[in-house]
């Protein structure tokens, strides 16, 4: 079994987490401690789900949890863009990162289901 921090999906999720932490630093005070904190918390949940899925035999539960939290994070990023807190270019770059992560997790989940 690979160490969780060597998994490509972990590395990509960690990069996304770092990027979102950077972006939320510059949110107006009105959103920094509400939406910004939620985004940070949800990113940590994603990283935790990958760790748990890699460690545990019942991976599907944690991969499903990841996908649920991931959808919430996508909604939060879209909300930031709609509120003009993130630029369209920032949102597009985040969407590319998120698309790659989503494909990796979905593939992992599907391989677990077929076992």
N, C-alpha and C. Protein backbone atom coordinates (compact mmCIF):
# COMPACT_ATOMS: atom_id res chain seq x y z
N UNK A 1 0.85 -1.18 0.00
CA UNK A 1 0.00 0.00 0.00
C UNK A 1 0.90 1.24 0.00
N UNK A 2 0.59 2.16 -0.89
CA UNK A 2 1.35 3.40 -0.99
C UNK A 2 1.05 4.30 0.19
N UNK A 3 2.03 5.11 0.56
CA UNK A 3 1.80 6.11 1.59
C UNK A 3 0.89 7.18 1.01
N UNK A 4 -0.03 7.66 1.82
CA UNK A 4 -1.04 8.60 1.32
C UNK A 4 -0.42 9.84 0.69
N UNK A 5 0.70 10.32 1.24
CA UNK A 5 1.29 11.54 0.72
C UNK A 5 2.06 11.32 -0.58
N UNK A 6 2.20 10.08 -1.01
CA UNK A 6 2.81 9.78 -2.31
C UNK A 6 1.77 9.64 -3.42
N UNK A 7 0.49 9.57 -3.06
CA UNK A 7 -0.56 9.41 -4.06
C UNK A 7 -0.71 10.69 -4.88
N UNK A 8 -0.82 10.56 -6.21
CA UNK A 8 -1.02 11.76 -7.04
C UNK A 8 -2.26 12.56 -6.64
N UNK A 9 -3.33 11.88 -6.27
CA UNK A 9 -4.55 12.60 -5.89
C UNK A 9 -4.34 13.38 -4.60
N UNK A 10 -3.54 12.86 -3.68
CA UNK A 10 -3.23 13.61 -2.47
C UNK A 10 -2.42 14.86 -2.81
N UNK A 11 -1.42 14.69 -3.66
CA UNK A 11 -0.58 15.83 -4.04
C UNK A 11 -1.41 16.92 -4.72
N UNK A 12 -2.30 16.51 -5.61
CA UNK A 12 -3.15 17.48 -6.31
C UNK A 12 -4.12 18.17 -5.35
N UNK A 13 -4.68 17.40 -4.43
CA UNK A 13 -5.61 17.97 -3.45
C UNK A 13 -4.89 18.92 -2.52
N UNK A 14 -3.67 18.58 -2.16
CA UNK A 14 -2.88 19.45 -1.29
C UNK A 14 -2.55 20.76 -2.00
N UNK A 15 -2.21 20.68 -3.28
CA UNK A 15 -1.95 21.90 -4.07
C UNK A 15 -3.20 22.78 -4.13
N UNK A 16 -4.34 22.15 -4.34
CA UNK A 16 -5.61 22.89 -4.36
C UNK A 16 -5.86 23.54 -3.01
N UNK A 17 -5.60 22.82 -1.94
CA UNK A 17 -5.78 23.36 -0.60
C UNK A 17 -4.90 24.58 -0.38
N UNK A 18 -3.63 24.48 -0.76
CA UNK A 18 -2.72 25.62 -0.62
C UNK A 18 -3.23 26.82 -1.41
N UNK A 19 -3.66 26.58 -2.62
CA UNK A 19 -4.15 27.68 -3.47
C UNK A 19 -5.38 28.34 -2.86
N UNK A 20 -6.29 27.55 -2.36
CA UNK A 20 -7.50 28.12 -1.76
C UNK A 20 -7.19 28.85 -0.45
N UNK A 21 -6.24 28.36 0.31
CA UNK A 21 -5.82 29.08 1.51
C UNK A 21 -5.24 30.45 1.13
N UNK A 22 -4.46 30.49 0.05
CA UNK A 22 -3.90 31.77 -0.42
C UNK A 22 -5.00 32.72 -0.87
N UNK A 23 -5.95 32.21 -1.64
CA UNK A 23 -7.02 33.06 -2.16
C UNK A 23 -7.94 33.58 -1.06
N UNK A 24 -8.20 32.76 -0.05
CA UNK A 24 -9.12 33.20 1.00
C UNK A 24 -8.47 34.20 1.95
N UNK A 25 -7.16 34.31 1.92
CA UNK A 25 -6.47 35.31 2.73
C UNK A 25 -6.90 36.73 2.35
N UNK A 26 -7.24 36.91 1.11
CA UNK A 26 -7.52 38.24 0.59
C UNK A 26 -9.01 38.55 0.49
N UNK A 27 -9.83 37.71 1.08
CA UNK A 27 -11.27 37.97 1.06
C UNK A 27 -11.59 39.17 1.96
N UNK A 28 -12.62 39.92 1.60
CA UNK A 28 -13.06 40.99 2.51
C UNK A 28 -13.48 40.41 3.85
N UNK A 29 -13.36 41.21 4.87
CA UNK A 29 -13.66 40.75 6.23
C UNK A 29 -15.05 40.12 6.34
N UNK A 30 -15.99 40.66 5.59
CA UNK A 30 -17.37 40.16 5.62
C UNK A 30 -17.44 38.68 5.27
N UNK A 31 -16.54 38.22 4.39
CA UNK A 31 -16.57 36.83 3.93
C UNK A 31 -15.44 35.98 4.49
N UNK A 32 -14.39 36.61 4.97
CA UNK A 32 -13.20 35.88 5.43
C UNK A 32 -13.52 34.88 6.53
N UNK A 33 -14.37 35.27 7.46
CA UNK A 33 -14.63 34.42 8.62
C UNK A 33 -15.90 33.59 8.49
N UNK A 34 -16.50 33.62 7.33
CA UNK A 34 -17.67 32.77 7.07
C UNK A 34 -17.32 31.85 5.90
N UNK A 35 -17.47 32.35 4.70
CA UNK A 35 -17.20 31.57 3.50
C UNK A 35 -15.74 31.13 3.44
N UNK A 36 -14.83 32.01 3.79
CA UNK A 36 -13.40 31.67 3.76
C UNK A 36 -13.07 30.52 4.71
N UNK A 37 -13.60 30.59 5.92
CA UNK A 37 -13.35 29.52 6.89
C UNK A 37 -13.98 28.20 6.45
N UNK A 38 -15.15 28.28 5.85
CA UNK A 38 -15.81 27.06 5.36
C UNK A 38 -14.98 26.41 4.26
N UNK A 39 -14.43 27.21 3.37
CA UNK A 39 -13.60 26.68 2.29
C UNK A 39 -12.37 25.98 2.88
N UNK A 40 -11.73 26.63 3.82
CA UNK A 40 -10.54 26.03 4.45
C UNK A 40 -10.89 24.72 5.16
N UNK A 41 -11.98 24.72 5.90
CA UNK A 41 -12.40 23.52 6.62
C UNK A 41 -12.69 22.38 5.64
N UNK A 42 -13.39 22.70 4.55
CA UNK A 42 -13.73 21.67 3.57
C UNK A 42 -12.48 21.12 2.88
N UNK A 43 -11.49 21.95 2.65
CA UNK A 43 -10.23 21.47 2.06
C UNK A 43 -9.54 20.48 3.00
N UNK A 44 -9.53 20.79 4.28
CA UNK A 44 -8.92 19.89 5.26
C UNK A 44 -9.69 18.56 5.30
N UNK A 45 -11.00 18.62 5.17
CA UNK A 45 -11.81 17.40 5.14
C UNK A 45 -11.43 16.54 3.93
N UNK A 46 -11.15 17.17 2.80
CA UNK A 46 -10.76 16.42 1.60
C UNK A 46 -9.46 15.67 1.83
N UNK A 47 -8.48 16.38 2.38
CA UNK A 47 -7.18 15.76 2.65
C UNK A 47 -7.35 14.61 3.64
N UNK A 48 -8.15 14.82 4.65
CA UNK A 48 -8.40 13.79 5.67
C UNK A 48 -9.08 12.56 5.05
N UNK A 49 -10.01 12.78 4.13
CA UNK A 49 -10.70 11.65 3.49
C UNK A 49 -9.74 10.80 2.67
N UNK A 50 -8.79 11.44 2.00
CA UNK A 50 -7.80 10.68 1.23
C UNK A 50 -6.93 9.85 2.17
N UNK A 51 -6.49 10.45 3.25
CA UNK A 51 -5.69 9.72 4.24
C UNK A 51 -6.46 8.50 4.73
N UNK A 52 -7.71 8.71 5.10
CA UNK A 52 -8.51 7.61 5.66
C UNK A 52 -8.82 6.53 4.62
N UNK A 53 -9.09 6.95 3.39
CA UNK A 53 -9.38 5.98 2.33
C UNK A 53 -8.15 5.12 2.04
N UNK A 54 -6.99 5.71 2.10
CA UNK A 54 -5.77 4.96 1.83
C UNK A 54 -5.43 4.01 2.98
N UNK A 55 -5.79 4.39 4.18
CA UNK A 55 -5.45 3.62 5.38
C UNK A 55 -6.41 2.47 5.64
N UNK A 56 -7.66 2.66 5.30
CA UNK A 56 -8.74 1.75 5.71
C UNK A 56 -9.05 0.74 4.60
N UNK A 57 -9.56 -0.41 5.03
CA UNK A 57 -9.97 -1.43 4.06
C UNK A 57 -11.29 -1.04 3.39
N UNK A 58 -12.17 -0.39 4.12
CA UNK A 58 -13.47 0.04 3.57
C UNK A 58 -13.33 1.43 2.95
N UNK A 59 -12.64 1.49 1.84
CA UNK A 59 -12.29 2.75 1.20
C UNK A 59 -13.50 3.50 0.63
N UNK A 60 -14.46 2.76 0.15
CA UNK A 60 -15.57 3.39 -0.57
C UNK A 60 -16.28 4.44 0.29
N UNK A 61 -16.44 4.18 1.56
CA UNK A 61 -17.09 5.12 2.47
C UNK A 61 -16.37 6.47 2.46
N UNK A 62 -15.06 6.45 2.56
CA UNK A 62 -14.29 7.69 2.62
C UNK A 62 -14.20 8.37 1.25
N UNK A 63 -14.21 7.58 0.20
CA UNK A 63 -14.20 8.17 -1.14
C UNK A 63 -15.53 8.85 -1.43
N UNK A 64 -16.62 8.25 -0.99
CA UNK A 64 -17.94 8.89 -1.13
C UNK A 64 -18.00 10.17 -0.30
N UNK A 65 -17.44 10.12 0.90
CA UNK A 65 -17.38 11.31 1.75
C UNK A 65 -16.58 12.42 1.06
N UNK A 66 -15.46 12.03 0.43
CA UNK A 66 -14.66 12.99 -0.31
C UNK A 66 -15.49 13.63 -1.41
N UNK A 67 -16.19 12.82 -2.18
CA UNK A 67 -16.97 13.35 -3.30
C UNK A 67 -18.08 14.29 -2.82
N UNK A 68 -18.69 13.98 -1.69
CA UNK A 68 -19.71 14.87 -1.13
C UNK A 68 -19.10 16.21 -0.73
N UNK A 69 -18.00 16.17 0.02
CA UNK A 69 -17.33 17.41 0.44
C UNK A 69 -16.80 18.18 -0.77
N UNK A 70 -16.39 17.45 -1.78
CA UNK A 70 -15.84 18.07 -2.99
C UNK A 70 -16.92 18.88 -3.73
N UNK A 71 -18.13 18.33 -3.78
CA UNK A 71 -19.23 19.07 -4.42
C UNK A 71 -19.55 20.35 -3.66
N UNK A 72 -19.50 20.29 -2.35
CA UNK A 72 -19.73 21.49 -1.53
C UNK A 72 -18.63 22.52 -1.82
N UNK A 73 -17.38 22.07 -1.92
CA UNK A 73 -16.28 22.98 -2.21
C UNK A 73 -16.45 23.63 -3.58
N UNK A 74 -16.88 22.86 -4.56
CA UNK A 74 -17.13 23.43 -5.89
C UNK A 74 -18.19 24.53 -5.83
N UNK A 75 -19.22 24.29 -5.06
CA UNK A 75 -20.27 25.29 -4.88
C UNK A 75 -19.72 26.55 -4.21
N UNK A 76 -18.88 26.37 -3.21
CA UNK A 76 -18.28 27.53 -2.51
C UNK A 76 -17.39 28.34 -3.44
N UNK A 77 -16.63 27.67 -4.29
CA UNK A 77 -15.77 28.38 -5.25
C UNK A 77 -16.64 29.14 -6.25
N UNK A 78 -17.70 28.51 -6.71
CA UNK A 78 -18.62 29.19 -7.64
C UNK A 78 -19.26 30.41 -6.97
N UNK A 79 -19.64 30.27 -5.72
CA UNK A 79 -20.22 31.37 -4.98
C UNK A 79 -19.22 32.53 -4.85
N UNK A 80 -17.98 32.22 -4.58
CA UNK A 80 -16.94 33.26 -4.51
C UNK A 80 -16.80 33.99 -5.85
N UNK A 81 -16.89 33.26 -6.92
CA UNK A 81 -16.79 33.87 -8.25
C UNK A 81 -18.01 34.75 -8.52
N UNK A 82 -19.19 34.26 -8.19
CA UNK A 82 -20.41 35.02 -8.41
C UNK A 82 -20.47 36.28 -7.55
N UNK A 83 -19.83 36.24 -6.39
CA UNK A 83 -19.77 37.42 -5.51
C UNK A 83 -18.59 38.33 -5.85
N UNK A 84 -17.86 37.97 -6.92
CA UNK A 84 -16.70 38.73 -7.39
C UNK A 84 -15.56 38.75 -6.37
N UNK A 85 -15.45 37.67 -5.62
CA UNK A 85 -14.36 37.52 -4.66
C UNK A 85 -13.17 36.84 -5.33
N UNK A 86 -13.44 35.96 -6.29
CA UNK A 86 -12.42 35.34 -7.13
C UNK A 86 -12.67 35.83 -8.55
N UNK A 87 -11.59 36.00 -9.30
CA UNK A 87 -11.73 36.39 -10.70
C UNK A 87 -12.14 35.17 -11.52
N UNK A 88 -12.60 35.44 -12.72
CA UNK A 88 -12.96 34.35 -13.64
C UNK A 88 -11.73 33.49 -13.93
N UNK A 89 -10.58 34.13 -14.09
CA UNK A 89 -9.35 33.39 -14.37
C UNK A 89 -8.98 32.49 -13.19
N UNK A 90 -9.09 33.00 -11.97
CA UNK A 90 -8.81 32.17 -10.79
C UNK A 90 -9.77 30.99 -10.72
N UNK A 91 -11.03 31.26 -10.98
CA UNK A 91 -12.04 30.21 -10.94
C UNK A 91 -11.76 29.16 -12.01
N UNK A 92 -11.35 29.59 -13.19
CA UNK A 92 -11.04 28.66 -14.28
C UNK A 92 -9.86 27.76 -13.91
N UNK A 93 -8.82 28.35 -13.32
CA UNK A 93 -7.66 27.55 -12.89
C UNK A 93 -8.06 26.56 -11.80
N UNK A 94 -8.88 27.00 -10.86
CA UNK A 94 -9.35 26.10 -9.81
C UNK A 94 -10.20 24.98 -10.41
N UNK A 95 -11.04 25.32 -11.38
CA UNK A 95 -11.90 24.31 -12.02
C UNK A 95 -11.06 23.24 -12.71
N UNK A 96 -9.96 23.63 -13.36
CA UNK A 96 -9.08 22.65 -14.00
C UNK A 96 -8.47 21.71 -12.96
N UNK A 97 -7.99 22.29 -11.86
CA UNK A 97 -7.43 21.46 -10.80
C UNK A 97 -8.49 20.51 -10.24
N UNK A 98 -9.66 21.05 -10.00
CA UNK A 98 -10.73 20.26 -9.39
C UNK A 98 -11.21 19.15 -10.33
N UNK A 99 -11.22 19.43 -11.61
CA UNK A 99 -11.64 18.42 -12.58
C UNK A 99 -10.70 17.21 -12.53
N UNK A 100 -9.41 17.48 -12.48
CA UNK A 100 -8.42 16.39 -12.41
C UNK A 100 -8.56 15.58 -11.14
N UNK A 101 -8.79 16.27 -10.03
CA UNK A 101 -8.96 15.57 -8.74
C UNK A 101 -10.22 14.72 -8.77
N UNK A 102 -11.30 15.28 -9.29
CA UNK A 102 -12.56 14.55 -9.36
C UNK A 102 -12.44 13.27 -10.17
N UNK A 103 -11.72 13.35 -11.28
CA UNK A 103 -11.52 12.16 -12.12
C UNK A 103 -10.72 11.09 -11.39
N UNK A 104 -9.69 11.52 -10.67
CA UNK A 104 -8.87 10.54 -9.94
C UNK A 104 -9.66 9.84 -8.84
N UNK A 105 -10.42 10.62 -8.09
CA UNK A 105 -11.20 10.03 -6.99
C UNK A 105 -12.30 9.12 -7.53
N UNK A 106 -12.95 9.55 -8.59
CA UNK A 106 -14.01 8.72 -9.19
C UNK A 106 -13.42 7.41 -9.71
N UNK A 107 -12.27 7.48 -10.35
CA UNK A 107 -11.60 6.27 -10.81
C UNK A 107 -11.22 5.34 -9.66
N UNK A 108 -10.72 5.91 -8.57
CA UNK A 108 -10.37 5.13 -7.40
C UNK A 108 -11.61 4.46 -6.81
N UNK A 109 -12.68 5.25 -6.68
CA UNK A 109 -13.92 4.70 -6.14
C UNK A 109 -14.45 3.56 -7.02
N UNK A 110 -14.42 3.76 -8.34
CA UNK A 110 -14.93 2.73 -9.24
C UNK A 110 -14.07 1.45 -9.17
N UNK A 111 -12.77 1.61 -8.99
CA UNK A 111 -11.91 0.42 -8.87
C UNK A 111 -12.17 -0.31 -7.55
N UNK A 112 -12.48 0.42 -6.52
CA UNK A 112 -12.82 -0.19 -5.23
C UNK A 112 -14.12 -0.95 -5.33
N UNK A 113 -15.09 -0.37 -6.03
CA UNK A 113 -16.40 -1.03 -6.20
C UNK A 113 -16.29 -2.33 -6.97
N UNK A 114 -15.39 -2.39 -7.93
CA UNK A 114 -15.30 -3.57 -8.78
C UNK A 114 -14.51 -4.71 -8.11
N UNK A 115 -13.95 -4.47 -6.96
CA UNK A 115 -13.17 -5.52 -6.27
C UNK A 115 -14.05 -6.49 -5.54
